[in-house]
Amino acid sequence: MKIQIEQVKDNPSIRSYIQKADESLIALGFTEHSFPHVTKVATTAKKILTVLSYSQREAELAEIAGYLHDIGNVINRIDHAQSGAIMAFRLLDRMEADPEEIATIITAIGNHDEKTAFPVNPVAAALILADKTDVRRNRVRNADLLHFDIHDRVNYSVIRSEVSINREEITLDLDIDTSICPVIEYFEIFLNRMLLCRKAAEKLGIRFSLVINKQKMV
């Protein structure tokens, strides 16, 4: 059966796992990984493949993978991509999803974390790009500016974040308040992610660009 994104969003188990996974990350001091993040990742992943003229179904599989990609955090942040892929397999199998489509989705989920990620197929590439470009101030949950760690500073410094996609290039365009976070700190945290985005874009036959304060970095 071809599972639709609305079935995934309406599944009570999936909603519970996303909520509880984010609660764990709150306790660990991480930025927001709840419904705003997974919804944005899902929407961007779908848009990437749509703009690049992949089939409507491939784009929806990327959307589903984006929505499910962080559920493994409910087990542990370490290896959450792999545990999330296993959880997604069980959930989708119980929903009687098509095995070939399950395989595509869980492959993307299992390959999205930068420590072990690789854009093994177009859905995985779209998920990587959508996930790693979700950089924005309102993901920071620490209200005490004086006790920000580097992850908080990097995200909170982002005044404007825009992802643009065309048939030749995907661009992450940021305006950063450098009084909060120098550009060098952004690269300290995000260099590996941006290099991964370049690989993912190459898998899709396009370029990846990073623009910070009107200056093109990558």
N, C-alpha and C. Protein backbone atom coordinates (compact mmCIF):
# COMPACT_ATOMS: atom_id res chain seq x y z
N MET A 1 0.84 -1.19 0.00
CA MET A 1 0.00 0.00 0.00
C MET A 1 0.88 1.25 0.00
N LYS A 2 0.47 2.24 -0.76
CA LYS A 2 1.22 3.50 -0.82
C LYS A 2 0.75 4.41 0.31
N ILE A 3 1.60 4.54 1.31
CA ILE A 3 1.29 5.37 2.47
C ILE A 3 1.37 6.85 2.08
N GLN A 4 0.41 7.63 2.55
CA GLN A 4 0.39 9.06 2.28
C GLN A 4 0.92 9.83 3.50
N ILE A 5 1.43 11.00 3.26
CA ILE A 5 2.03 11.80 4.33
C ILE A 5 1.02 12.11 5.43
N GLU A 6 -0.25 12.32 5.08
CA GLU A 6 -1.24 12.64 6.10
C GLU A 6 -1.47 11.46 7.04
N GLN A 7 -1.37 10.24 6.52
CA GLN A 7 -1.48 9.07 7.39
C GLN A 7 -0.35 9.04 8.40
N VAL A 8 0.83 9.40 7.95
CA VAL A 8 1.99 9.43 8.84
C VAL A 8 1.81 10.51 9.91
N LYS A 9 1.38 11.69 9.51
CA LYS A 9 1.20 12.79 10.45
C LYS A 9 0.10 12.50 11.46
N ASP A 10 -0.91 11.75 11.05
CA ASP A 10 -2.05 11.48 11.92
C ASP A 10 -1.86 10.24 12.80
N ASN A 11 -0.75 9.53 12.61
CA ASN A 11 -0.53 8.30 13.38
C ASN A 11 -0.18 8.65 14.83
N PRO A 12 -0.98 8.20 15.80
CA PRO A 12 -0.74 8.58 17.20
C PRO A 12 0.62 8.12 17.73
N SER A 13 1.07 6.93 17.31
CA SER A 13 2.36 6.43 17.77
C SER A 13 3.49 7.33 17.28
N ILE A 14 3.43 7.70 16.02
CA ILE A 14 4.47 8.56 15.45
C ILE A 14 4.50 9.90 16.16
N ARG A 15 3.34 10.47 16.40
CA ARG A 15 3.28 11.76 17.10
C ARG A 15 3.86 11.65 18.51
N SER A 16 3.57 10.55 19.18
CA SER A 16 4.11 10.35 20.53
C SER A 16 5.63 10.24 20.50
N TYR A 17 6.18 9.49 19.53
CA TYR A 17 7.62 9.32 19.47
C TYR A 17 8.33 10.63 19.16
N ILE A 18 7.75 11.45 18.27
CA ILE A 18 8.35 12.74 17.97
C ILE A 18 8.35 13.63 19.22
N GLN A 19 7.23 13.66 19.91
CA GLN A 19 7.11 14.47 21.12
C GLN A 19 8.08 14.02 22.21
N LYS A 20 8.14 12.72 22.45
CA LYS A 20 9.00 12.21 23.52
C LYS A 20 10.47 12.32 23.15
N ALA A 21 10.79 12.18 21.87
CA ALA A 21 12.17 12.35 21.43
C ALA A 21 12.63 13.78 21.69
N ASP A 22 11.77 14.74 21.41
CA ASP A 22 12.15 16.13 21.65
C ASP A 22 12.27 16.42 23.13
N GLU A 23 11.45 15.79 23.96
CA GLU A 23 11.57 15.97 25.41
C GLU A 23 12.94 15.50 25.90
N SER A 24 13.42 14.41 25.32
CA SER A 24 14.76 13.92 25.69
C SER A 24 15.82 14.93 25.30
N LEU A 25 15.68 15.53 24.12
CA LEU A 25 16.67 16.50 23.66
C LEU A 25 16.61 17.80 24.46
N ILE A 26 15.42 18.15 24.94
CA ILE A 26 15.32 19.31 25.84
C ILE A 26 16.17 19.07 27.08
N ALA A 27 16.04 17.87 27.65
CA ALA A 27 16.80 17.53 28.86
C ALA A 27 18.30 17.56 28.60
N LEU A 28 18.70 17.22 27.37
CA LEU A 28 20.12 17.21 27.01
C LEU A 28 20.63 18.58 26.58
N GLY A 29 19.73 19.55 26.45
CA GLY A 29 20.15 20.90 26.09
C GLY A 29 20.24 21.17 24.61
N PHE A 30 19.59 20.36 23.79
CA PHE A 30 19.64 20.54 22.34
C PHE A 30 18.61 21.57 21.88
N THR A 31 18.82 22.07 20.68
CA THR A 31 17.83 22.95 20.05
C THR A 31 16.58 22.15 19.68
N GLU A 32 15.55 22.86 19.26
CA GLU A 32 14.25 22.25 18.97
C GLU A 32 14.33 21.21 17.86
N HIS A 33 13.77 20.03 18.15
CA HIS A 33 13.68 18.95 17.17
C HIS A 33 12.26 18.37 17.10
N SER A 34 11.28 19.20 17.44
CA SER A 34 9.91 18.72 17.51
C SER A 34 9.17 18.95 16.20
N PHE A 35 7.85 19.15 16.28
CA PHE A 35 7.03 19.22 15.08
C PHE A 35 7.40 20.37 14.13
N PRO A 36 7.77 21.56 14.63
CA PRO A 36 8.20 22.59 13.68
C PRO A 36 9.40 22.16 12.84
N HIS A 37 10.39 21.53 13.48
CA HIS A 37 11.57 21.09 12.74
C HIS A 37 11.24 19.99 11.74
N VAL A 38 10.57 18.93 12.19
CA VAL A 38 10.33 17.81 11.27
C VAL A 38 9.38 18.22 10.15
N THR A 39 8.45 19.12 10.43
CA THR A 39 7.54 19.58 9.38
C THR A 39 8.29 20.41 8.35
N LYS A 40 9.18 21.28 8.83
CA LYS A 40 9.97 22.09 7.89
C LYS A 40 10.89 21.22 7.05
N VAL A 41 11.53 20.24 7.67
CA VAL A 41 12.41 19.33 6.93
C VAL A 41 11.61 18.55 5.89
N ALA A 42 10.45 18.05 6.29
CA ALA A 42 9.61 17.29 5.36
C ALA A 42 9.20 18.15 4.16
N THR A 43 8.78 19.37 4.43
CA THR A 43 8.33 20.27 3.35
C THR A 43 9.47 20.62 2.41
N THR A 44 10.65 20.92 2.98
CA THR A 44 11.80 21.29 2.15
C THR A 44 12.28 20.11 1.33
N ALA A 45 12.33 18.92 1.92
CA ALA A 45 12.77 17.73 1.17
C ALA A 45 11.86 17.46 -0.01
N LYS A 46 10.56 17.59 0.21
CA LYS A 46 9.62 17.40 -0.89
C LYS A 46 9.83 18.46 -1.98
N LYS A 47 10.02 19.70 -1.56
CA LYS A 47 10.20 20.78 -2.53
C LYS A 47 11.44 20.57 -3.37
N ILE A 48 12.52 20.11 -2.76
CA ILE A 48 13.77 19.89 -3.50
C ILE A 48 13.54 18.93 -4.66
N LEU A 49 12.93 17.79 -4.38
CA LEU A 49 12.73 16.80 -5.45
C LEU A 49 11.66 17.25 -6.44
N THR A 50 10.70 18.03 -5.98
CA THR A 50 9.68 18.54 -6.90
C THR A 50 10.29 19.52 -7.90
N VAL A 51 11.10 20.45 -7.38
CA VAL A 51 11.75 21.44 -8.26
C VAL A 51 12.66 20.75 -9.27
N LEU A 52 13.30 19.66 -8.85
CA LEU A 52 14.23 18.96 -9.73
C LEU A 52 13.54 17.92 -10.62
N SER A 53 12.21 17.96 -10.64
CA SER A 53 11.40 17.15 -11.56
C SER A 53 11.45 15.65 -11.28
N TYR A 54 11.71 15.29 -10.02
CA TYR A 54 11.51 13.89 -9.65
C TYR A 54 10.01 13.63 -9.59
N SER A 55 9.64 12.37 -9.56
CA SER A 55 8.22 12.04 -9.59
C SER A 55 7.53 12.54 -8.32
N GLN A 56 6.23 12.73 -8.42
CA GLN A 56 5.45 13.17 -7.27
C GLN A 56 5.58 12.17 -6.12
N ARG A 57 5.66 10.88 -6.45
CA ARG A 57 5.77 9.87 -5.41
C ARG A 57 7.13 9.93 -4.71
N GLU A 58 8.21 10.11 -5.47
CA GLU A 58 9.53 10.24 -4.85
C GLU A 58 9.57 11.44 -3.93
N ALA A 59 8.94 12.53 -4.36
CA ALA A 59 8.90 13.73 -3.53
C ALA A 59 8.14 13.46 -2.24
N GLU A 60 7.06 12.67 -2.31
CA GLU A 60 6.30 12.37 -1.10
C GLU A 60 7.08 11.43 -0.19
N LEU A 61 7.84 10.51 -0.76
CA LEU A 61 8.68 9.65 0.08
C LEU A 61 9.72 10.47 0.83
N ALA A 62 10.27 11.49 0.18
CA ALA A 62 11.21 12.39 0.85
C ALA A 62 10.50 13.15 1.97
N GLU A 63 9.26 13.54 1.72
CA GLU A 63 8.47 14.24 2.74
C GLU A 63 8.23 13.33 3.96
N ILE A 64 7.89 12.07 3.70
CA ILE A 64 7.67 11.12 4.79
C ILE A 64 8.97 10.89 5.57
N ALA A 65 10.06 10.68 4.85
CA ALA A 65 11.35 10.49 5.51
C ALA A 65 11.71 11.70 6.37
N GLY A 66 11.43 12.90 5.85
CA GLY A 66 11.71 14.12 6.61
C GLY A 66 10.91 14.20 7.89
N TYR A 67 9.67 13.79 7.82
CA TYR A 67 8.82 13.85 9.01
C TYR A 67 9.25 12.85 10.07
N LEU A 68 9.77 11.70 9.64
CA LEU A 68 10.14 10.63 10.56
C LEU A 68 11.60 10.66 10.99
N HIS A 69 12.42 11.52 10.41
CA HIS A 69 13.87 11.32 10.47
C HIS A 69 14.47 11.39 11.87
N ASP A 70 13.82 12.06 12.82
CA ASP A 70 14.43 12.23 14.15
C ASP A 70 13.78 11.40 15.25
N ILE A 71 12.92 10.45 14.91
CA ILE A 71 12.23 9.69 15.97
C ILE A 71 13.20 8.84 16.79
N GLY A 72 14.35 8.52 16.24
CA GLY A 72 15.33 7.71 16.96
C GLY A 72 15.89 8.40 18.19
N ASN A 73 15.71 9.73 18.27
CA ASN A 73 16.16 10.45 19.46
C ASN A 73 15.42 10.02 20.72
N VAL A 74 14.29 9.35 20.56
CA VAL A 74 13.56 8.87 21.73
C VAL A 74 14.34 7.77 22.43
N ILE A 75 15.22 7.10 21.71
CA ILE A 75 16.07 6.05 22.29
C ILE A 75 17.36 6.65 22.84
N ASN A 76 18.08 7.37 21.98
CA ASN A 76 19.30 8.05 22.40
C ASN A 76 19.75 8.93 21.25
N ARG A 77 20.38 10.05 21.59
CA ARG A 77 20.90 10.92 20.54
C ARG A 77 21.99 10.21 19.74
N ILE A 78 22.80 9.41 20.42
CA ILE A 78 23.85 8.67 19.74
C ILE A 78 23.21 7.61 18.83
N ASP A 79 23.64 7.58 17.58
CA ASP A 79 23.14 6.63 16.58
C ASP A 79 21.64 6.77 16.37
N HIS A 80 21.11 7.99 16.53
CA HIS A 80 19.66 8.16 16.40
C HIS A 80 19.18 7.93 14.97
N ALA A 81 20.05 8.13 14.00
CA ALA A 81 19.63 7.89 12.61
C ALA A 81 19.36 6.41 12.38
N GLN A 82 20.23 5.56 12.90
CA GLN A 82 20.06 4.12 12.70
C GLN A 82 18.88 3.57 13.52
N SER A 83 18.77 3.99 14.78
CA SER A 83 17.64 3.52 15.58
C SER A 83 16.33 4.07 15.03
N GLY A 84 16.36 5.30 14.51
CA GLY A 84 15.17 5.87 13.89
C GLY A 84 14.74 5.11 12.65
N ALA A 85 15.71 4.65 11.88
CA ALA A 85 15.39 3.87 10.68
C ALA A 85 14.70 2.56 11.05
N ILE A 86 15.18 1.92 12.10
CA ILE A 86 14.57 0.67 12.56
C ILE A 86 13.16 0.92 13.07
N MET A 87 12.98 2.00 13.84
CA MET A 87 11.64 2.34 14.31
C MET A 87 10.71 2.64 13.15
N ALA A 88 11.19 3.40 12.17
CA ALA A 88 10.36 3.74 11.01
C ALA A 88 9.96 2.49 10.24
N PHE A 89 10.88 1.53 10.14
CA PHE A 89 10.55 0.26 9.46
C PHE A 89 9.36 -0.41 10.14
N ARG A 90 9.44 -0.52 11.46
CA ARG A 90 8.36 -1.20 12.18
C ARG A 90 7.03 -0.45 12.03
N LEU A 91 7.08 0.86 12.17
CA LEU A 91 5.86 1.66 12.07
C LEU A 91 5.24 1.55 10.67
N LEU A 92 6.05 1.72 9.65
CA LEU A 92 5.53 1.69 8.29
C LEU A 92 5.09 0.30 7.88
N ASP A 93 5.80 -0.72 8.37
CA ASP A 93 5.40 -2.09 8.07
C ASP A 93 4.03 -2.39 8.69
N ARG A 94 3.81 -1.92 9.91
CA ARG A 94 2.52 -2.12 10.56
C ARG A 94 1.41 -1.35 9.85
N MET A 95 1.76 -0.29 9.16
CA MET A 95 0.79 0.47 8.37
C MET A 95 0.60 -0.13 6.98
N GLU A 96 1.31 -1.25 6.74
CA GLU A 96 1.21 -2.02 5.49
C GLU A 96 1.69 -1.22 4.29
N ALA A 97 2.74 -0.44 4.51
CA ALA A 97 3.36 0.30 3.41
C ALA A 97 4.08 -0.66 2.48
N ASP A 98 4.28 -0.22 1.24
CA ASP A 98 4.97 -1.02 0.24
C ASP A 98 6.42 -1.25 0.67
N PRO A 99 6.91 -2.50 0.65
CA PRO A 99 8.28 -2.78 1.13
C PRO A 99 9.36 -1.99 0.41
N GLU A 100 9.22 -1.82 -0.89
CA GLU A 100 10.24 -1.07 -1.62
C GLU A 100 10.28 0.40 -1.17
N GLU A 101 9.10 0.95 -0.91
CA GLU A 101 9.06 2.34 -0.44
C GLU A 101 9.55 2.45 1.00
N ILE A 102 9.24 1.46 1.82
CA ILE A 102 9.80 1.44 3.18
C ILE A 102 11.32 1.46 3.11
N ALA A 103 11.87 0.64 2.23
CA ALA A 103 13.33 0.56 2.10
C ALA A 103 13.92 1.91 1.74
N THR A 104 13.29 2.62 0.82
CA THR A 104 13.78 3.94 0.42
C THR A 104 13.75 4.92 1.59
N ILE A 105 12.66 4.90 2.33
CA ILE A 105 12.49 5.83 3.45
C ILE A 105 13.50 5.55 4.56
N ILE A 106 13.63 4.29 4.96
CA ILE A 106 14.52 3.99 6.09
C ILE A 106 15.98 4.13 5.69
N THR A 107 16.30 3.92 4.42
CA THR A 107 17.67 4.17 3.95
C THR A 107 18.01 5.65 4.10
N ALA A 108 17.06 6.52 3.74
CA ALA A 108 17.29 7.96 3.89
C ALA A 108 17.45 8.34 5.35
N ILE A 109 16.56 7.83 6.21
CA ILE A 109 16.65 8.16 7.63
C ILE A 109 17.97 7.67 8.22
N GLY A 110 18.37 6.46 7.89
CA GLY A 110 19.59 5.88 8.43
C GLY A 110 20.86 6.55 7.94
N ASN A 111 20.74 7.40 6.92
CA ASN A 111 21.92 8.07 6.36
C ASN A 111 21.85 9.59 6.47
N HIS A 112 21.12 10.12 7.46
CA HIS A 112 21.00 11.58 7.53
C HIS A 112 21.90 12.23 8.57
N ASP A 113 22.43 11.49 9.55
CA ASP A 113 23.26 12.11 10.58
C ASP A 113 24.68 12.30 10.07
N GLU A 114 25.24 13.49 10.29
CA GLU A 114 26.52 13.82 9.64
C GLU A 114 27.67 12.91 10.00
N LYS A 115 27.60 12.25 11.15
CA LYS A 115 28.70 11.36 11.53
C LYS A 115 28.78 10.13 10.64
N THR A 116 27.64 9.68 10.13
CA THR A 116 27.61 8.45 9.32
C THR A 116 26.87 8.65 8.00
N ALA A 117 26.48 9.87 7.70
CA ALA A 117 25.58 10.13 6.57
C ALA A 117 26.27 9.97 5.22
N PHE A 118 25.45 9.60 4.25
CA PHE A 118 25.89 9.61 2.86
C PHE A 118 24.64 9.66 1.98
N PRO A 119 24.64 10.50 0.94
CA PRO A 119 23.47 10.61 0.07
C PRO A 119 23.36 9.42 -0.90
N VAL A 120 22.88 8.32 -0.39
CA VAL A 120 22.90 7.07 -1.15
C VAL A 120 21.84 7.03 -2.24
N ASN A 121 20.82 7.86 -2.13
CA ASN A 121 19.80 7.93 -3.17
C ASN A 121 19.19 9.33 -3.15
N PRO A 122 18.37 9.70 -4.13
CA PRO A 122 17.82 11.07 -4.16
C PRO A 122 17.02 11.44 -2.93
N VAL A 123 16.25 10.50 -2.36
CA VAL A 123 15.47 10.80 -1.16
C VAL A 123 16.40 11.11 0.02
N ALA A 124 17.47 10.33 0.17
CA ALA A 124 18.45 10.59 1.21
C ALA A 124 19.12 11.94 1.01
N ALA A 125 19.46 12.27 -0.23
CA ALA A 125 20.11 13.55 -0.53
C ALA A 125 19.19 14.71 -0.17
N ALA A 126 17.92 14.60 -0.53
CA ALA A 126 16.96 15.66 -0.22
C ALA A 126 16.78 15.82 1.28
N LEU A 127 16.74 14.70 2.01
CA LEU A 127 16.59 14.74 3.46
C LEU A 127 17.80 15.42 4.10
N ILE A 128 19.00 15.06 3.68
CA ILE A 128 20.21 15.68 4.22
C ILE A 128 20.17 17.20 4.03
N LEU A 129 19.87 17.63 2.83
CA LEU A 129 19.85 19.06 2.53
C LEU A 129 18.78 19.78 3.36
N ALA A 130 17.60 19.18 3.45
CA ALA A 130 16.52 19.82 4.19
C ALA A 130 16.83 19.90 5.68
N ASP A 131 17.43 18.86 6.23
CA ASP A 131 17.73 18.82 7.66
C ASP A 131 18.86 19.79 8.01
N LYS A 132 19.92 19.77 7.26
CA LYS A 132 21.10 20.56 7.62
C LYS A 132 20.93 22.05 7.32
N THR A 133 19.94 22.42 6.55
CA THR A 133 19.72 23.83 6.26
C THR A 133 18.66 24.46 7.15
N ASP A 134 18.13 23.70 8.11
CA ASP A 134 17.16 24.27 9.04
C ASP A 134 17.90 24.95 10.19
N VAL A 135 18.37 26.15 9.93
CA VAL A 135 19.11 26.95 10.90
C VAL A 135 18.30 28.21 11.15
N ARG A 136 17.86 28.41 12.40
CA ARG A 136 17.01 29.56 12.70
C ARG A 136 17.01 29.85 14.19
N ARG A 137 16.77 31.11 14.50
CA ARG A 137 16.83 31.59 15.88
C ARG A 137 15.82 30.89 16.78
N ASN A 138 14.60 30.65 16.29
CA ASN A 138 13.57 30.12 17.17
C ASN A 138 13.71 28.62 17.47
N ARG A 139 14.80 28.01 17.02
CA ARG A 139 15.10 26.65 17.47
C ARG A 139 15.81 26.64 18.82
N VAL A 140 16.31 27.81 19.26
CA VAL A 140 17.01 27.90 20.54
C VAL A 140 15.99 27.98 21.67
N ARG A 141 16.15 27.11 22.67
CA ARG A 141 15.19 27.08 23.78
C ARG A 141 15.78 27.59 25.09
N ASN A 142 17.08 27.79 25.11
CA ASN A 142 17.72 28.37 26.29
C ASN A 142 17.41 29.87 26.33
N ALA A 143 16.74 30.31 27.39
CA ALA A 143 16.34 31.71 27.49
C ALA A 143 17.42 32.60 28.10
N ASP A 144 18.50 32.00 28.56
CA ASP A 144 19.56 32.75 29.24
C ASP A 144 20.73 32.96 28.30
N LEU A 145 20.78 34.14 27.72
CA LEU A 145 21.83 34.46 26.74
C LEU A 145 23.22 34.30 27.32
N LEU A 146 23.37 34.59 28.61
CA LEU A 146 24.69 34.52 29.25
C LEU A 146 25.21 33.09 29.36
N HIS A 147 24.31 32.12 29.29
CA HIS A 147 24.71 30.73 29.41
C HIS A 147 24.54 29.96 28.10
N PHE A 148 24.52 30.65 26.99
CA PHE A 148 24.48 29.99 25.69
C PHE A 148 25.75 29.19 25.47
N ASP A 149 25.62 27.98 24.95
CA ASP A 149 26.80 27.29 24.43
C ASP A 149 26.96 27.68 22.96
N ILE A 150 27.94 27.10 22.29
CA ILE A 150 28.22 27.52 20.91
C ILE A 150 27.05 27.19 19.98
N HIS A 151 26.35 26.06 20.23
CA HIS A 151 25.20 25.71 19.38
C HIS A 151 24.09 26.74 19.53
N ASP A 152 23.85 27.18 20.77
CA ASP A 152 22.85 28.21 20.99
C ASP A 152 23.24 29.51 20.29
N ARG A 153 24.51 29.90 20.44
CA ARG A 153 24.96 31.16 19.83
C ARG A 153 24.81 31.12 18.32
N VAL A 154 25.21 30.01 17.72
CA VAL A 154 25.16 29.90 16.26
C VAL A 154 23.73 30.04 15.76
N ASN A 155 22.82 29.32 16.38
CA ASN A 155 21.43 29.38 15.91
C ASN A 155 20.77 30.71 16.27
N TYR A 156 21.03 31.22 17.48
CA TYR A 156 20.39 32.46 17.89
C TYR A 156 20.89 33.66 17.09
N SER A 157 22.09 33.56 16.58
CA SER A 157 22.65 34.67 15.80
C SER A 157 21.97 34.84 14.44
N VAL A 158 21.23 33.83 14.01
CA VAL A 158 20.63 33.87 12.68
C VAL A 158 19.39 34.77 12.70
N ILE A 159 19.51 35.92 12.08
CA ILE A 159 18.41 36.88 12.01
C ILE A 159 17.45 36.49 10.90
N ARG A 160 18.00 35.99 9.79
CA ARG A 160 17.18 35.59 8.64
C ARG A 160 17.77 34.33 8.04
N SER A 161 16.91 33.39 7.70
CA SER A 161 17.35 32.14 7.07
C SER A 161 16.41 31.81 5.92
N GLU A 162 16.99 31.62 4.77
CA GLU A 162 16.17 31.33 3.58
C GLU A 162 16.85 30.26 2.74
N VAL A 163 16.09 29.24 2.34
CA VAL A 163 16.59 28.21 1.45
C VAL A 163 15.92 28.40 0.10
N SER A 164 16.73 28.59 -0.93
CA SER A 164 16.19 28.73 -2.28
C SER A 164 16.68 27.57 -3.14
N ILE A 165 15.81 27.11 -4.02
CA ILE A 165 16.10 25.92 -4.83
C ILE A 165 15.73 26.22 -6.27
N ASN A 166 16.66 25.94 -7.17
CA ASN A 166 16.32 25.93 -8.59
C ASN A 166 16.95 24.70 -9.22
N ARG A 167 16.85 24.56 -10.51
CA ARG A 167 17.30 23.33 -11.17
C ARG A 167 18.81 23.21 -11.26
N GLU A 168 19.53 24.26 -10.85
CA GLU A 168 20.99 24.23 -10.89
C GLU A 168 21.64 24.32 -9.52
N GLU A 169 20.91 24.86 -8.54
CA GLU A 169 21.57 25.18 -7.27
C GLU A 169 20.57 25.24 -6.12
N ILE A 170 21.03 24.82 -4.93
CA ILE A 170 20.29 25.06 -3.70
C ILE A 170 21.16 25.95 -2.82
N THR A 171 20.57 27.01 -2.29
CA THR A 171 21.33 28.01 -1.54
C THR A 171 20.74 28.20 -0.16
N LEU A 172 21.60 28.16 0.86
CA LEU A 172 21.23 28.55 2.21
C LEU A 172 21.75 29.97 2.42
N ASP A 173 20.83 30.91 2.55
CA ASP A 173 21.17 32.32 2.64
C ASP A 173 20.86 32.81 4.05
N LEU A 174 21.89 33.21 4.79
CA LEU A 174 21.73 33.60 6.18
C LEU A 174 22.18 35.04 6.42
N ASP A 175 21.45 35.72 7.29
CA ASP A 175 21.93 36.96 7.89
C ASP A 175 22.25 36.64 9.34
N ILE A 176 23.49 36.89 9.76
CA ILE A 176 23.96 36.54 11.09
C ILE A 176 24.38 37.78 11.85
N ASP A 177 23.96 37.86 13.10
CA ASP A 177 24.41 38.93 13.99
C ASP A 177 25.77 38.51 14.54
N THR A 178 26.84 39.09 14.01
CA THR A 178 28.19 38.66 14.38
C THR A 178 28.59 39.13 15.78
N SER A 179 27.77 39.97 16.41
CA SER A 179 28.04 40.33 17.80
C SER A 179 27.65 39.19 18.74
N ILE A 180 26.80 38.30 18.26
CA ILE A 180 26.39 37.13 19.03
C ILE A 180 27.28 35.93 18.69
N CYS A 181 27.56 35.78 17.42
CA CYS A 181 28.35 34.63 16.96
C CYS A 181 29.23 35.05 15.78
N PRO A 182 30.54 35.06 15.94
CA PRO A 182 31.42 35.32 14.80
C PRO A 182 31.22 34.25 13.72
N VAL A 183 31.46 34.61 12.49
CA VAL A 183 31.29 33.65 11.39
C VAL A 183 32.15 32.42 11.60
N ILE A 184 33.33 32.58 12.19
CA ILE A 184 34.22 31.44 12.40
C ILE A 184 33.57 30.39 13.31
N GLU A 185 32.75 30.83 14.28
CA GLU A 185 32.05 29.88 15.14
C GLU A 185 30.99 29.12 14.36
N TYR A 186 30.35 29.78 13.42
CA TYR A 186 29.38 29.09 12.57
C TYR A 186 30.06 27.93 11.86
N PHE A 187 31.24 28.20 11.29
CA PHE A 187 31.94 27.15 10.56
C PHE A 187 32.48 26.07 11.50
N GLU A 188 32.81 26.44 12.72
CA GLU A 188 33.28 25.44 13.68
C GLU A 188 32.22 24.37 13.91
N ILE A 189 30.97 24.78 13.96
CA ILE A 189 29.87 23.85 14.19
C ILE A 189 29.37 23.21 12.91
N PHE A 190 29.30 24.00 11.84
CA PHE A 190 28.56 23.57 10.66
C PHE A 190 29.41 23.16 9.46
N LEU A 191 30.73 23.20 9.57
CA LEU A 191 31.54 22.89 8.40
C LEU A 191 31.24 21.50 7.86
N ASN A 192 31.23 20.48 8.72
CA ASN A 192 30.96 19.12 8.25
C ASN A 192 29.57 19.01 7.64
N ARG A 193 28.60 19.73 8.21
CA ARG A 193 27.25 19.70 7.67
C ARG A 193 27.19 20.33 6.28
N MET A 194 27.91 21.41 6.10
CA MET A 194 27.91 22.08 4.81
C MET A 194 28.62 21.24 3.74
N LEU A 195 29.69 20.56 4.14
CA LEU A 195 30.36 19.66 3.20
C LEU A 195 29.45 18.50 2.82
N LEU A 196 28.67 18.03 3.78
CA LEU A 196 27.70 16.97 3.50
C LEU A 196 26.61 17.47 2.55
N CYS A 197 26.19 18.72 2.75
CA CYS A 197 25.21 19.31 1.84
C CYS A 197 25.76 19.38 0.41
N ARG A 198 27.04 19.68 0.28
CA ARG A 198 27.65 19.71 -1.06
C ARG A 198 27.57 18.33 -1.72
N LYS A 199 27.89 17.28 -0.94
CA LYS A 199 27.80 15.92 -1.48
C LYS A 199 26.37 15.57 -1.87
N ALA A 200 25.43 15.97 -1.03
CA ALA A 200 24.03 15.67 -1.31
C ALA A 200 23.56 16.38 -2.57
N ALA A 201 23.96 17.64 -2.72
CA ALA A 201 23.59 18.38 -3.93
C ALA A 201 24.20 17.74 -5.17
N GLU A 202 25.45 17.31 -5.06
CA GLU A 202 26.09 16.64 -6.20
C GLU A 202 25.35 15.37 -6.59
N LYS A 203 24.83 14.65 -5.59
CA LYS A 203 24.05 13.45 -5.88
C LYS A 203 22.83 13.79 -6.73
N LEU A 204 22.28 14.98 -6.52
CA LEU A 204 21.10 15.42 -7.27
C LEU A 204 21.47 16.16 -8.55
N GLY A 205 22.76 16.28 -8.81
CA GLY A 205 23.22 16.93 -10.04
C GLY A 205 23.16 18.44 -10.01
N ILE A 206 23.20 19.02 -8.80
CA ILE A 206 23.17 20.47 -8.68
C ILE A 206 24.30 20.92 -7.75
N ARG A 207 24.39 22.23 -7.50
CA ARG A 207 25.40 22.79 -6.60
C ARG A 207 24.74 23.19 -5.28
N PHE A 208 25.57 23.25 -4.24
CA PHE A 208 25.14 23.79 -2.96
C PHE A 208 25.92 25.06 -2.68
N SER A 209 25.23 26.11 -2.25
CA SER A 209 25.89 27.37 -1.91
C SER A 209 25.44 27.83 -0.53
N LEU A 210 26.38 28.40 0.20
CA LEU A 210 26.11 29.01 1.49
C LEU A 210 26.45 30.49 1.40
N VAL A 211 25.49 31.33 1.74
CA VAL A 211 25.69 32.78 1.72
C VAL A 211 25.47 33.29 3.14
N ILE A 212 26.47 34.00 3.68
CA ILE A 212 26.35 34.59 5.02
C ILE A 212 26.59 36.09 4.93
N ASN A 213 25.61 36.85 5.35
CA ASN A 213 25.68 38.32 5.30
C ASN A 213 26.09 38.81 3.92
N LYS A 214 25.42 38.25 2.94
CA LYS A 214 25.56 38.64 1.52
C LYS A 214 26.87 38.14 0.89
N GLN A 215 27.67 37.41 1.62
CA GLN A 215 28.93 36.92 1.08
C GLN A 215 28.84 35.42 0.85
N LYS A 216 29.16 34.99 -0.36
CA LYS A 216 29.09 33.58 -0.71
C LYS A 216 30.29 32.85 -0.14
N MET A 217 30.03 31.81 0.68
CA MET A 217 31.07 31.07 1.36
C MET A 217 31.41 29.76 0.66
N VAL A 218 30.41 29.11 0.11
CA VAL A 218 30.61 27.80 -0.51
C VAL A 218 29.95 27.81 -1.88
